Amino acid sequence: MGFLHISPAEPKAATGLVAEVYRQQAADVGLARMPALMALSSVPALLAATWSLLRESLMAGPLSRTEREVVALGVSTANRCPYCVGAHTLFLHATGDHALAETLLAGGRPADPRQAALYAWATGETRDAPDAPELLGTALAFHFINRMVTALHTPDVLPGGLQKTRLMRRAAGRTLSRPARRLLPPGESLRFLHTPHADAPQPLHTPHADAPQPLDAPRAAAPAWAHGSPVGTAYAALTEVAGQGGALLTHPERVAEAVARWDGGHPPMGGSWLADALSGLPAAEMAPTRLALLAALAPYRITEGDVAAWPHTDESLVRLLAFGAVTAVRHAERTFSPAAAS
């Protein structure tokens, strides 16, 4: 188990906003290291917004943690993110839902009708979106996190792939049971959010008319489906700061156009869908646009060669992948039921 393509800040070496987020995450989750967040540490505002959406959606408030974990696991299964599937199988064990955890991992469905309906929605089998902001936010959080983790971390949650054994899954879940069952007050992560323009990437070009405006754009409004909850504030912050990575591309609209044509499934094997999306781009734009497209639609197909083809730092790579990922997240949001997407 380990990181791919990046060297993130370890908790003991973290400073500033990164250290503050790590401290709250450790207290609320019960883990000193959380690789899904550490992978974003080169862009502190992105780390903070991702943590805030994760905490406010998945963990805070009185809504059933089991239901939220069912959604997280359903989205992660549909997105083929083995790391997140493994992690949230452990968290279902942590809630005490041992049989449910093992049933879903084995490809089964919940026996409880409400949980079954949530799982079917989370996996894309139905369009019957729930109304609770926490459930909608959990789904969107994992559409983003799945993509980033798949691109930047190996699949194993525990050393040596120990999460593959039932005994270790249950034992690991037991170590997380106290924080997983604790009622966290909503809104406590919002203090980490700030207008991210100051650390946004400078455009490498004169932006296209459809490109994100990273320095002067107004703060994004919370979506109507969030009903004024902290989930909406966190989601608006994440979509804004992640969207700023489009400034690293000359033609970010190519990514948006490809995602707009996406039917929610996995792209066909072979590169024809990528070739169509990249057609006519200058040679220098091929590699970064390809990375953003893969992050959006098939992050599990990103190779060492794809990453090496684009000169980058950890920060620019994370920003670029985040732009592709959040483009897919926004598309997923629009596929919610009319009440949720309004």
C-alpha atoms as a PDB file:
ATOM      1  CA  MET A   1       0.000   0.000   0.000  1.00  0.00           C
ATOM      2  CA  GLY A   2       1.322   3.436  -0.851  1.00  0.00           C
ATOM      3  CA  PHE A   3       1.026   6.560  -2.923  1.00  0.00           C
ATOM      4  CA  LEU A   4       1.416   6.779  -6.687  1.00  0.00           C
ATOM      5  CA  HIS A   5       3.092   9.704  -8.486  1.00  0.00           C
ATOM      6  CA  ILE A   6       3.195  11.972  -5.382  1.00  0.00           C
ATOM      7  CA  SER A   7       4.869  12.374  -1.974  1.00  0.00           C
ATOM      8  CA  PRO A   8       2.242  13.891   0.322  1.00  0.00           C
ATOM      9  CA  ALA A   9       2.738  15.580   3.686  1.00  0.00           C
ATOM     10  CA  GLU A  10       2.848  13.122   6.581  1.00  0.00           C
ATOM     11  CA  PRO A  11       0.904  14.147   9.693  1.00  0.00           C
ATOM     12  CA  LYS A  12       4.033  14.665  11.792  1.00  0.00           C
ATOM     13  CA  ALA A  13       5.544  17.001   9.192  1.00  0.00           C
ATOM     14  CA  ALA A  14       2.385  18.908   8.295  1.00  0.00           C
ATOM     15  CA  THR A  15       2.038  22.612   9.033  1.00  0.00           C
ATOM     16  CA  GLY A  16      -0.590  25.325   8.708  1.00  0.00           C
ATOM     17  CA  LEU A  17      -3.982  24.425   7.262  1.00  0.00           C
ATOM     18  CA  VAL A  18      -2.879  20.887   6.374  1.00  0.00           C
ATOM     19  CA  ALA A  19      -1.927  20.201  10.006  1.00  0.00           C
ATOM     20  CA  GLU A  20      -5.225  21.654  11.260  1.00  0.00           C
ATOM     21  CA  VAL A  21      -7.270  19.446   8.938  1.00  0.00           C
ATOM     22  CA  TYR A  22      -5.223  16.379   9.856  1.00  0.00           C
ATOM     23  CA  ARG A  23      -5.826  17.028  13.577  1.00  0.00           C
ATOM     24  CA  GLN A  24      -9.596  17.236  13.195  1.00  0.00           C
ATOM     25  CA  GLN A  25      -9.654  14.212  10.913  1.00  0.00           C
ATOM     26  CA  ALA A  26      -7.649  12.145  13.425  1.00  0.00           C
ATOM     27  CA  ALA A  27     -10.006  13.118  16.245  1.00  0.00           C
ATOM     28  CA  ASP A  28     -13.204  12.522  14.277  1.00  0.00           C
ATOM     29  CA  VAL A  29     -12.235   9.392  12.336  1.00  0.00           C
ATOM     30  CA  GLY A  30      -9.864   7.736  14.780  1.00  0.00           C
ATOM     31  CA  LEU A  31      -7.053   7.370  12.255  1.00  0.00           C
ATOM     32  CA  ALA A  32      -3.720   9.183  12.514  1.00  0.00           C
ATOM     33  CA  ARG A  33      -3.168   8.744   8.766  1.00  0.00           C
ATOM     34  CA  MET A  34      -5.937   8.910   6.183  1.00  0.00           C
ATOM     35  CA  PRO A  35      -4.365   8.413   2.732  1.00  0.00           C
ATOM     36  CA  ALA A  36      -7.468   9.557   0.853  1.00  0.00           C
ATOM     37  CA  LEU A  37      -6.936  13.008   2.369  1.00  0.00           C
ATOM     38  CA  MET A  38      -3.147  12.964   2.492  1.00  0.00           C
ATOM     39  CA  ALA A  39      -3.085  12.579  -1.293  1.00  0.00           C
ATOM     40  CA  LEU A  40      -4.496  16.120  -1.552  1.00  0.00           C
ATOM     41  CA  SER A  41      -2.104  17.791   0.887  1.00  0.00           C
ATOM     42  CA  SER A  42      -0.082  19.601  -1.808  1.00  0.00           C
ATOM     43  CA  VAL A  43      -3.181  21.788  -2.345  1.00  0.00           C
ATOM     44  CA  PRO A  44      -4.305  22.765   1.177  1.00  0.00           C
ATOM     45  CA  ALA A  45      -7.572  24.426   0.111  1.00  0.00           C
ATOM     46  CA  LEU A  46      -8.545  21.292  -1.819  1.00  0.00           C
ATOM     47  CA  LEU A  47      -7.692  19.086   1.159  1.00  0.00           C
ATOM     48  CA  ALA A  48      -9.778  21.290   3.459  1.00  0.00           C
ATOM     49  CA  ALA A  49     -12.808  21.355   1.165  1.00  0.00           C
ATOM     50  CA  THR A  50     -12.686  17.588   0.563  1.00  0.00           C
ATOM     51  CA  TRP A  51     -12.445  16.874   4.280  1.00  0.00           C
ATOM     52  CA  SER A  52     -15.267  19.294   5.002  1.00  0.00           C
ATOM     53  CA  LEU A  53     -17.607  17.638   2.501  1.00  0.00           C
ATOM     54  CA  LEU A  54     -16.631  14.189   3.748  1.00  0.00           C
ATOM     55  CA  ARG A  55     -17.149  15.075   7.407  1.00  0.00           C
ATOM     56  CA  GLU A  56     -20.387  17.023   7.018  1.00  0.00           C
ATOM     57  CA  SER A  57     -21.922  14.430   4.665  1.00  0.00           C
ATOM     58  CA  LEU A  58     -20.715  11.101   6.003  1.00  0.00           C
ATOM     59  CA  MET A  59     -20.095  11.686   9.696  1.00  0.00           C
ATOM     60  CA  ALA A  60     -21.831  14.714  11.238  1.00  0.00           C
ATOM     61  CA  GLY A  61     -25.383  14.962  12.488  1.00  0.00           C
ATOM     62  CA  PRO A  62     -27.958  12.382  13.583  1.00  0.00           C
ATOM     63  CA  LEU A  63     -28.704  10.660  10.251  1.00  0.00           C
ATOM     64  CA  SER A  64     -27.904   6.926  10.249  1.00  0.00           C
ATOM     65  CA  ARG A  65     -24.186   6.328   9.706  1.00  0.00           C
ATOM     66  CA  THR A  66     -25.033   2.911   8.320  1.00  0.00           C
ATOM     67  CA  GLU A  67     -27.168   4.424   5.558  1.00  0.00           C
ATOM     68  CA  ARG A  68     -24.393   6.847   4.683  1.00  0.00           C
ATOM     69  CA  GLU A  69     -21.833   4.044   4.563  1.00  0.00           C
ATOM     70  CA  VAL A  70     -24.148   2.063   2.267  1.00  0.00           C
ATOM     71  CA  VAL A  71     -24.136   5.026  -0.131  1.00  0.00           C
ATOM     72  CA  ALA A  72     -20.356   5.449   0.120  1.00  0.00           C
ATOM     73  CA  LEU A  73     -19.820   1.762  -0.574  1.00  0.00           C
ATOM     74  CA  GLY A  74     -22.306   1.735  -3.453  1.00  0.00           C
ATOM     75  CA  VAL A  75     -20.681   4.691  -5.209  1.00  0.00           C
ATOM     76  CA  SER A  76     -17.200   3.239  -4.647  1.00  0.00           C
ATOM     77  CA  THR A  77     -18.268  -0.124  -6.057  1.00  0.00           C
ATOM     78  CA  ALA A  78     -19.776   1.490  -9.144  1.00  0.00           C
ATOM     79  CA  ASN A  79     -16.619   3.566  -9.665  1.00  0.00           C
ATOM     80  CA  ARG A  80     -14.321   0.533  -9.307  1.00  0.00           C
ATOM     81  CA  CYS A  81     -12.327   2.038  -6.449  1.00  0.00           C
ATOM     82  CA  PRO A  82     -10.965  -0.969  -4.531  1.00  0.00           C
ATOM     83  CA  TYR A  83      -9.321   1.205  -1.889  1.00  0.00           C
ATOM     84  CA  CYS A  84     -12.593   2.935  -0.984  1.00  0.00           C
ATOM     85  CA  VAL A  85     -14.574  -0.317  -1.187  1.00  0.00           C
ATOM     86  CA  GLY A  86     -12.147  -1.851   1.284  1.00  0.00           C
ATOM     87  CA  ALA A  87     -12.144   1.186   3.569  1.00  0.00           C
ATOM     88  CA  HIS A  88     -15.919   1.500   3.777  1.00  0.00           C
ATOM     89  CA  THR A  89     -16.395  -2.195   4.275  1.00  0.00           C
ATOM     90  CA  LEU A  90     -14.278  -1.656   7.396  1.00  0.00           C
ATOM     91  CA  PHE A  91     -16.397   1.330   8.420  1.00  0.00           C
ATOM     92  CA  LEU A  92     -19.587  -0.717   8.058  1.00  0.00           C
ATOM     93  CA  HIS A  93     -17.992  -3.246  10.394  1.00  0.00           C
ATOM     94  CA  ALA A  94     -17.234  -0.313  12.693  1.00  0.00           C
ATOM     95  CA  THR A  95     -20.933   0.565  12.886  1.00  0.00           C
ATOM     96  CA  GLY A  96     -21.629  -3.008  13.989  1.00  0.00           C
ATOM     97  CA  ASP A  97     -23.293  -3.978  10.704  1.00  0.00           C
ATOM     98  CA  HIS A  98     -21.039  -6.968  10.127  1.00  0.00           C
ATOM     99  CA  ALA A  99     -23.397  -9.065   8.003  1.00  0.00           C
ATOM    100  CA  LEU A 100     -24.291  -6.075   5.817  1.00  0.00           C
ATOM    101  CA  ALA A 101     -20.622  -5.246   5.282  1.00  0.00           C
ATOM    102  CA  GLU A 102     -19.824  -8.758   4.104  1.00  0.00           C
ATOM    103  CA  THR A 103     -22.966  -9.019   1.972  1.00  0.00           C
ATOM    104  CA  LEU A 104     -22.151  -5.869   0.014  1.00  0.00           C
ATOM    105  CA  LEU A 105     -18.501  -6.812  -0.382  1.00  0.00           C
ATOM    106  CA  ALA A 106     -19.596 -10.137  -1.862  1.00  0.00           C
ATOM    107  CA  GLY A 107     -21.826  -8.394  -4.412  1.00  0.00           C
ATOM    108  CA  GLY A 108     -25.116  -8.884  -2.586  1.00  0.00           C
ATOM    109  CA  ARG A 109     -27.820  -6.385  -1.701  1.00  0.00           C
ATOM    110  CA  PRO A 110     -29.090  -5.158   1.677  1.00  0.00           C
ATOM    111  CA  ALA A 111     -32.080  -7.003   3.101  1.00  0.00           C
ATOM    112  CA  ASP A 112     -33.498  -3.790   4.516  1.00  0.00           C
ATOM    113  CA  PRO A 113     -35.704  -2.129   1.846  1.00  0.00           C
ATOM    114  CA  ARG A 114     -34.525   1.428   2.534  1.00  0.00           C
ATOM    115  CA  GLN A 115     -30.880   0.423   2.513  1.00  0.00           C
ATOM    116  CA  ALA A 116     -31.469  -1.574  -0.679  1.00  0.00           C
ATOM    117  CA  ALA A 117     -33.029   1.479  -2.346  1.00  0.00           C
ATOM    118  CA  LEU A 118     -30.107   3.668  -1.298  1.00  0.00           C
ATOM    119  CA  TYR A 119     -27.586   1.151  -2.571  1.00  0.00           C
ATOM    120  CA  ALA A 120     -29.386   0.835  -5.913  1.00  0.00           C
ATOM    121  CA  TRP A 121     -29.334   4.612  -6.311  1.00  0.00           C
ATOM    122  CA  ALA A 122     -25.679   4.883  -5.266  1.00  0.00           C
ATOM    123  CA  THR A 123     -24.606   2.265  -7.800  1.00  0.00           C
ATOM    124  CA  GLY A 124     -26.557   3.964 -10.592  1.00  0.00           C
ATOM    125  CA  GLU A 125     -29.177   1.247 -10.946  1.00  0.00           C
ATOM    126  CA  THR A 126     -31.987   3.726 -10.255  1.00  0.00           C
ATOM    127  CA  ARG A 127     -32.465   7.510 -10.382  1.00  0.00           C
ATOM    128  CA  ASP A 128     -34.504   7.645  -7.164  1.00  0.00           C
ATOM    129  CA  ALA A 129     -32.318  10.117  -5.269  1.00  0.00           C
ATOM    130  CA  PRO A 130     -32.904  10.562  -1.538  1.00  0.00           C
ATOM    131  CA  ASP A 131     -33.793  13.970  -0.167  1.00  0.00           C
ATOM    132  CA  ALA A 132     -31.351  14.143   2.757  1.00  0.00           C
ATOM    133  CA  PRO A 133     -28.403  16.475   2.006  1.00  0.00           C
ATOM    134  CA  GLU A 134     -26.081  14.151   3.908  1.00  0.00           C
ATOM    135  CA  LEU A 135     -26.847  11.238   1.573  1.00  0.00           C
ATOM    136  CA  LEU A 136     -26.567  13.344  -1.578  1.00  0.00           C
ATOM    137  CA  GLY A 137     -23.348  14.885  -0.294  1.00  0.00           C
ATOM    138  CA  THR A 138     -21.899  11.481   0.580  1.00  0.00           C
ATOM    139  CA  ALA A 139     -22.500  10.260  -2.964  1.00  0.00           C
ATOM    140  CA  LEU A 140     -20.874  13.336  -4.494  1.00  0.00           C
ATOM    141  CA  ALA A 141     -17.979  13.255  -2.048  1.00  0.00           C
ATOM    142  CA  PHE A 142     -17.171   9.716  -3.092  1.00  0.00           C
ATOM    143  CA  HIS A 143     -17.524  10.406  -6.785  1.00  0.00           C
ATOM    144  CA  PHE A 144     -14.660  12.854  -6.175  1.00  0.00           C
ATOM    145  CA  ILE A 145     -12.610  10.875  -3.647  1.00  0.00           C
ATOM    146  CA  ASN A 146     -12.856   7.617  -5.611  1.00  0.00           C
ATOM    147  CA  ARG A 147     -11.278   9.261  -8.634  1.00  0.00           C
ATOM    148  CA  MET A 148      -8.467  10.927  -6.717  1.00  0.00           C
ATOM    149  CA  VAL A 149      -7.619   7.862  -4.633  1.00  0.00           C
ATOM    150  CA  THR A 150      -7.686   5.522  -7.629  1.00  0.00           C
ATOM    151  CA  ALA A 151      -5.260   7.784  -9.476  1.00  0.00           C
ATOM    152  CA  LEU A 152      -2.924   8.466  -6.545  1.00  0.00           C
ATOM    153  CA  HIS A 153      -2.928   5.408  -4.246  1.00  0.00           C
ATOM    154  CA  THR A 154      -2.518   1.655  -4.494  1.00  0.00           C
ATOM    155  CA  PRO A 155      -5.621  -0.491  -3.848  1.00  0.00           C
ATOM    156  CA  ASP A 156      -4.750  -1.909  -0.422  1.00  0.00           C
ATOM    157  CA  VAL A 157      -6.244  -0.340   2.704  1.00  0.00           C
ATOM    158  CA  LEU A 158      -4.257  -2.475   5.146  1.00  0.00           C
ATOM    159  CA  PRO A 159      -0.612  -3.586   4.835  1.00  0.00           C
ATOM    160  CA  GLY A 160      -0.160  -6.654   2.702  1.00  0.00           C
ATOM    161  CA  GLY A 161      -3.771  -6.604   1.572  1.00  0.00           C
ATOM    162  CA  LEU A 162      -4.968  -7.830   4.981  1.00  0.00           C
ATOM    163  CA  GLN A 163      -8.387  -6.277   4.307  1.00  0.00           C
ATOM    164  CA  LYS A 164      -8.999  -9.281   2.036  1.00  0.00           C
ATOM    165  CA  THR A 165      -9.605 -11.555   5.045  1.00  0.00           C
ATOM    166  CA  ARG A 166     -12.877 -11.434   6.945  1.00  0.00           C
ATOM    167  CA  LEU A 167     -11.172 -11.755  10.325  1.00  0.00           C
ATOM    168  CA  MET A 168      -8.968  -8.700   9.684  1.00  0.00           C
ATOM    169  CA  ARG A 169     -11.875  -6.681   8.286  1.00  0.00           C
ATOM    170  CA  ARG A 170     -13.844  -7.258  11.442  1.00  0.00           C
ATOM    171  CA  ALA A 171     -10.852  -6.587  13.691  1.00  0.00           C
ATOM    172  CA  ALA A 172      -9.979  -3.354  11.871  1.00  0.00           C
ATOM    173  CA  GLY A 173     -13.596  -2.238  12.056  1.00  0.00           C
ATOM    174  CA  ARG A 174     -13.607  -2.837  15.793  1.00  0.00           C
ATOM    175  CA  THR A 175     -10.726  -0.378  16.243  1.00  0.00           C
ATOM    176  CA  LEU A 176     -12.816   2.307  14.508  1.00  0.00           C
ATOM    177  CA  SER A 177     -16.102   1.559  16.238  1.00  0.00           C
ATOM    178  CA  ARG A 178     -16.026   4.245  18.940  1.00  0.00           C
ATOM    179  CA  PRO A 179     -15.508   7.259  16.614  1.00  0.00           C
ATOM    180  CA  ALA A 180     -17.805   5.745  13.963  1.00  0.00           C
ATOM    181  CA  ARG A 181     -20.674   5.591  16.477  1.00  0.00           C
ATOM    182  CA  ARG A 182     -20.064   9.016  18.012  1.00  0.00           C
ATOM    183  CA  LEU A 183     -22.461  11.836  17.134  1.00  0.00           C
ATOM    184  CA  LEU A 184     -20.390  14.652  15.610  1.00  0.00           C
ATOM    185  CA  PRO A 185     -21.808  18.196  15.686  1.00  0.00           C
ATOM    186  CA  PRO A 186     -22.435  19.540  12.167  1.00  0.00           C
ATOM    187  CA  GLY A 187     -20.493  22.460  10.770  1.00  0.00           C
ATOM    188  CA  GLU A 188     -17.236  22.199  12.698  1.00  0.00           C
ATOM    189  CA  SER A 189     -15.138  21.692   9.555  1.00  0.00           C
ATOM    190  CA  LEU A 190     -16.422  24.840   7.851  1.00  0.00           C
ATOM    191  CA  ARG A 191     -13.845  26.976   9.668  1.00  0.00           C
ATOM    192  CA  PHE A 192     -11.179  25.475   7.409  1.00  0.00           C
ATOM    193  CA  LEU A 193     -12.832  26.808   4.276  1.00  0.00           C
ATOM    194  CA  HIS A 194     -11.642  30.053   2.799  1.00  0.00           C
ATOM    195  CA  THR A 195     -11.840  31.779  -0.528  1.00  0.00           C
ATOM    196  CA  PRO A 196      -9.298  29.692  -2.427  1.00  0.00           C
ATOM    197  CA  HIS A 197      -8.330  32.321  -4.996  1.00  0.00           C
ATOM    198  CA  ALA A 198      -5.068  33.199  -3.283  1.00  0.00           C
ATOM    199  CA  ASP A 199      -3.507  29.797  -3.900  1.00  0.00           C
ATOM    200  CA  ALA A 200      -5.233  29.102  -7.225  1.00  0.00           C
ATOM    201  CA  PRO A 201      -2.984  28.254 -10.181  1.00  0.00           C
ATOM    202  CA  GLN A 202      -2.132  31.140 -12.457  1.00  0.00           C
ATOM    203  CA  PRO A 203      -3.557  30.504 -15.948  1.00  0.00           C
ATOM    204  CA  LEU A 204      -1.010  29.257 -18.452  1.00  0.00           C
ATOM    205  CA  HIS A 205      -2.891  31.014 -21.260  1.00  0.00           C
ATOM    206  CA  THR A 206      -5.661  33.444 -22.007  1.00  0.00           C
ATOM    207  CA  PRO A 207      -8.646  31.452 -20.721  1.00  0.00           C
ATOM    208  CA  HIS A 208     -11.243  30.135 -23.100  1.00  0.00           C
ATOM    209  CA  ALA A 209     -14.664  31.703 -22.625  1.00  0.00           C
ATOM    210  CA  ASP A 210     -15.918  28.513 -20.942  1.00  0.00           C
ATOM    211  CA  ALA A 211     -12.863  28.058 -18.736  1.00  0.00           C
ATOM    212  CA  PRO A 212     -12.916  28.489 -14.934  1.00  0.00           C
ATOM    213  CA  GLN A 213     -11.913  31.975 -13.750  1.00  0.00           C
ATOM    214  CA  PRO A 214      -9.471  31.192 -10.933  1.00  0.00           C
ATOM    215  CA  LEU A 215      -8.640  34.624  -9.523  1.00  0.00           C
ATOM    216  CA  ASP A 216     -11.725  36.802  -9.594  1.00  0.00           C
ATOM    217  CA  ALA A 217     -14.720  34.455  -9.722  1.00  0.00           C
ATOM    218  CA  PRO A 218     -17.294  34.966  -6.943  1.00  0.00           C
ATOM    219  CA  ARG A 219     -17.619  32.323  -4.266  1.00  0.00           C
ATOM    220  CA  ALA A 220     -19.872  29.525  -5.532  1.00  0.00           C
ATOM    221  CA  ALA A 221     -23.367  29.361  -4.074  1.00  0.00           C
ATOM    222  CA  ALA A 222     -24.473  26.319  -2.110  1.00  0.00           C
ATOM    223  CA  PRO A 223     -26.805  24.055  -4.123  1.00  0.00           C
ATOM    224  CA  ALA A 224     -30.540  24.048  -3.489  1.00  0.00           C
ATOM    225  CA  TRP A 225     -30.576  20.320  -2.692  1.00  0.00           C
ATOM    226  CA  ALA A 226     -28.494  20.990   0.429  1.00  0.00           C
ATOM    227  CA  HIS A 227     -31.376  22.905   2.074  1.00  0.00           C
ATOM    228  CA  GLY A 228     -28.998  25.341   3.805  1.00  0.00           C
ATOM    229  CA  SER A 229     -27.009  22.607   5.571  1.00  0.00           C
ATOM    230  CA  PRO A 230     -23.222  22.642   6.089  1.00  0.00           C
ATOM    231  CA  VAL A 231     -23.050  19.989   3.368  1.00  0.00           C
ATOM    232  CA  GLY A 232     -23.937  22.612   0.762  1.00  0.00           C
ATOM    233  CA  THR A 233     -21.268  25.040   1.953  1.00  0.00           C
ATOM    234  CA  ALA A 234     -18.618  22.325   1.814  1.00  0.00           C
ATOM    235  CA  TYR A 235     -19.754  21.096  -1.605  1.00  0.00           C
ATOM    236  CA  ALA A 236     -19.660  24.627  -3.050  1.00  0.00           C
ATOM    237  CA  ALA A 237     -16.129  25.099  -1.728  1.00  0.00           C
ATOM    238  CA  LEU A 238     -14.948  21.794  -3.202  1.00  0.00           C
ATOM    239  CA  THR A 239     -16.410  22.384  -6.642  1.00  0.00           C
ATOM    240  CA  GLU A 240     -14.897  25.861  -6.738  1.00  0.00           C
ATOM    241  CA  VAL A 241     -11.355  25.011  -5.713  1.00  0.00           C
ATOM    242  CA  ALA A 242     -11.236  21.763  -7.706  1.00  0.00           C
ATOM    243  CA  GLY A 243     -12.611  23.509 -10.773  1.00  0.00           C
ATOM    244  CA  GLN A 244      -9.719  25.951 -10.720  1.00  0.00           C
ATOM    245  CA  GLY A 245      -7.433  23.212 -11.997  1.00  0.00           C
ATOM    246  CA  GLY A 246      -8.925  23.833 -15.421  1.00  0.00           C
ATOM    247  CA  ALA A 247      -6.634  26.863 -15.638  1.00  0.00           C
ATOM    248  CA  LEU A 248      -3.815  24.383 -16.299  1.00  0.00           C
ATOM    249  CA  LEU A 249      -5.380  23.504 -19.659  1.00  0.00           C
ATOM    250  CA  THR A 250      -5.648  25.607 -22.784  1.00  0.00           C
ATOM    251  CA  HIS A 251      -8.936  23.923 -23.690  1.00  0.00           C
ATOM    252  CA  PRO A 252     -10.643  22.730 -20.487  1.00  0.00           C
ATOM    253  CA  GLU A 253     -13.922  22.693 -22.371  1.00  0.00           C
ATOM    254  CA  ARG A 254     -12.759  19.469 -24.065  1.00  0.00           C
ATOM    255  CA  VAL A 255     -13.048  17.707 -20.715  1.00  0.00           C
ATOM    256  CA  ALA A 256     -16.486  19.187 -20.016  1.00  0.00           C
ATOM    257  CA  GLU A 257     -17.725  18.203 -23.473  1.00  0.00           C
ATOM    258  CA  ALA A 258     -16.526  14.607 -23.122  1.00  0.00           C
ATOM    259  CA  VAL A 259     -18.095  14.281 -19.687  1.00  0.00           C
ATOM    260  CA  ALA A 260     -21.363  15.782 -20.936  1.00  0.00           C
ATOM    261  CA  ARG A 261     -21.587  12.884 -23.418  1.00  0.00           C
ATOM    262  CA  TRP A 262     -20.898  10.331 -20.673  1.00  0.00           C
ATOM    263  CA  ASP A 263     -23.697   7.884 -19.917  1.00  0.00           C
ATOM    264  CA  GLY A 264     -22.410   7.061 -16.443  1.00  0.00           C
ATOM    265  CA  GLY A 265     -20.823   3.763 -17.467  1.00  0.00           C
ATOM    266  CA  HIS A 266     -17.207   2.829 -17.935  1.00  0.00           C
ATOM    267  CA  PRO A 267     -15.586   3.858 -21.233  1.00  0.00           C
ATOM    268  CA  PRO A 268     -14.921   1.084 -23.745  1.00  0.00           C
ATOM    269  CA  MET A 269     -11.525  -0.540 -23.797  1.00  0.00           C
ATOM    270  CA  GLY A 270      -9.179   0.965 -26.332  1.00  0.00           C
ATOM    271  CA  GLY A 271      -8.443   4.596 -26.912  1.00  0.00           C
ATOM    272  CA  SER A 272     -11.008   5.671 -29.496  1.00  0.00           C
ATOM    273  CA  TRP A 273     -13.053   7.698 -26.998  1.00  0.00           C
ATOM    274  CA  LEU A 274      -9.904   9.499 -25.875  1.00  0.00           C
ATOM    275  CA  ALA A 275      -8.730  10.068 -29.437  1.00  0.00           C
ATOM    276  CA  ASP A 276     -12.032  11.707 -30.303  1.00  0.00           C
ATOM    277  CA  ALA A 277     -11.836  14.039 -27.295  1.00  0.00           C
ATOM    278  CA  LEU A 278      -8.201  14.966 -27.991  1.00  0.00           C
ATOM    279  CA  SER A 279      -8.548  15.403 -31.747  1.00  0.00           C
ATOM    280  CA  GLY A 280      -7.049  18.642 -33.059  1.00  0.00           C
ATOM    281  CA  LEU A 281      -5.372  19.716 -29.818  1.00  0.00           C
ATOM    282  CA  PRO A 282      -1.798  21.071 -29.962  1.00  0.00           C
ATOM    283  CA  ALA A 283       0.784  18.407 -29.108  1.00  0.00           C
ATOM    284  CA  ALA A 284       1.683  20.099 -25.817  1.00  0.00           C
ATOM    285  CA  GLU A 285      -1.942  19.923 -24.672  1.00  0.00           C
ATOM    286  CA  MET A 286      -2.449  16.234 -25.382  1.00  0.00           C
ATOM    287  CA  ALA A 287      -0.873  14.827 -22.207  1.00  0.00           C
ATOM    288  CA  PRO A 288      -2.540  17.069 -19.586  1.00  0.00           C
ATOM    289  CA  THR A 289      -5.934  16.906 -21.285  1.00  0.00           C
ATOM    290  CA  ARG A 290      -5.655  13.128 -21.479  1.00  0.00           C
ATOM    291  CA  LEU A 291      -4.901  13.006 -17.730  1.00  0.00           C
ATOM    292  CA  ALA A 292      -7.911  15.165 -16.901  1.00  0.00           C
ATOM    293  CA  LEU A 293     -10.172  13.042 -19.099  1.00  0.00           C
ATOM    294  CA  LEU A 294      -8.943   9.828 -17.515  1.00  0.00           C
ATOM    295  CA  ALA A 295      -9.415  11.285 -14.025  1.00  0.00           C
ATOM    296  CA  ALA A 296     -13.017  12.090 -14.927  1.00  0.00           C
ATOM    297  CA  LEU A 297     -14.053   8.881 -16.648  1.00  0.00           C
ATOM    298  CA  ALA A 298     -11.498   6.107 -16.069  1.00  0.00           C
ATOM    299  CA  PRO A 299      -8.951   6.952 -13.350  1.00  0.00           C
ATOM    300  CA  TYR A 300      -8.009   3.277 -12.983  1.00  0.00           C
ATOM    301  CA  ARG A 301      -6.489   3.497 -16.488  1.00  0.00           C
ATOM    302  CA  ILE A 302      -3.963   6.221 -15.617  1.00  0.00           C
ATOM    303  CA  THR A 303      -0.457   4.835 -16.118  1.00  0.00           C
ATOM    304  CA  GLU A 304       3.052   5.920 -15.179  1.00  0.00           C
ATOM    305  CA  GLY A 305       3.505   6.854 -18.823  1.00  0.00           C
ATOM    306  CA  ASP A 306       0.457   9.125 -18.790  1.00  0.00           C
ATOM    307  CA  VAL A 307       1.791  10.999 -15.767  1.00  0.00           C
ATOM    308  CA  ALA A 308       5.390  11.155 -17.020  1.00  0.00           C
ATOM    309  CA  ALA A 309       4.268  12.636 -20.347  1.00  0.00           C
ATOM    310  CA  TRP A 310       3.290  15.899 -18.624  1.00  0.00           C
ATOM    311  CA  PRO A 311       5.945  17.886 -16.719  1.00  0.00           C
ATOM    312  CA  HIS A 312       4.418  18.596 -13.340  1.00  0.00           C
ATOM    313  CA  THR A 313       4.826  19.100  -9.615  1.00  0.00           C
ATOM    314  CA  ASP A 314       2.786  17.268  -7.008  1.00  0.00           C
ATOM    315  CA  GLU A 315       0.632  20.365  -6.696  1.00  0.00           C
ATOM    316  CA  SER A 316      -0.070  20.769 -10.407  1.00  0.00           C
ATOM    317  CA  LEU A 317      -0.789  17.052 -10.839  1.00  0.00           C
ATOM    318  CA  VAL A 318      -3.275  17.044  -7.957  1.00  0.00           C
ATOM    319  CA  ARG A 319      -4.945  20.189  -9.301  1.00  0.00           C
ATOM    320  CA  LEU A 320      -5.260  18.758 -12.793  1.00  0.00           C
ATOM    321  CA  LEU A 321      -6.694  15.445 -11.608  1.00  0.00           C
ATOM    322  CA  ALA A 322      -9.075  17.302  -9.301  1.00  0.00           C
ATOM    323  CA  PHE A 323     -10.382  19.301 -12.243  1.00  0.00           C
ATOM    324  CA  GLY A 324     -11.162  16.123 -14.171  1.00  0.00           C
ATOM    325  CA  ALA A 325     -12.699  14.505 -11.102  1.00  0.00           C
ATOM    326  CA  VAL A 326     -14.930  17.450 -10.205  1.00  0.00           C
ATOM    327  CA  THR A 327     -16.137  17.735 -13.797  1.00  0.00           C
ATOM    328  CA  ALA A 328     -17.480  14.194 -13.418  1.00  0.00           C
ATOM    329  CA  VAL A 329     -18.914  15.053  -9.988  1.00  0.00           C
ATOM    330  CA  ARG A 330     -20.891  17.958 -11.430  1.00  0.00           C
ATOM    331  CA  HIS A 331     -22.223  15.664 -14.140  1.00  0.00           C
ATOM    332  CA  ALA A 332     -23.268  13.122 -11.499  1.00  0.00           C
ATOM    333  CA  GLU A 333     -25.051  15.885  -9.580  1.00  0.00           C
ATOM    334  CA  ARG A 334     -27.096  16.734 -12.672  1.00  0.00           C
ATOM    335  CA  THR A 335     -28.246  13.120 -13.001  1.00  0.00           C
ATOM    336  CA  PHE A 336     -29.997  13.260  -9.627  1.00  0.00           C
ATOM    337  CA  SER A 337     -33.755  13.357  -9.572  1.00  0.00           C
ATOM    338  CA  PRO A 338     -35.229  16.774 -10.482  1.00  0.00           C
ATOM    339  CA  ALA A 339     -35.773  17.621  -6.812  1.00  0.00           C
ATOM    340  CA  ALA A 340     -32.131  16.913  -5.988  1.00  0.00           C
ATOM    341  CA  ALA A 341     -30.657  18.682  -9.000  1.00  0.00           C
ATOM    342  CA  SER A 342     -32.668  21.861  -8.690  1.00  0.00           C
END
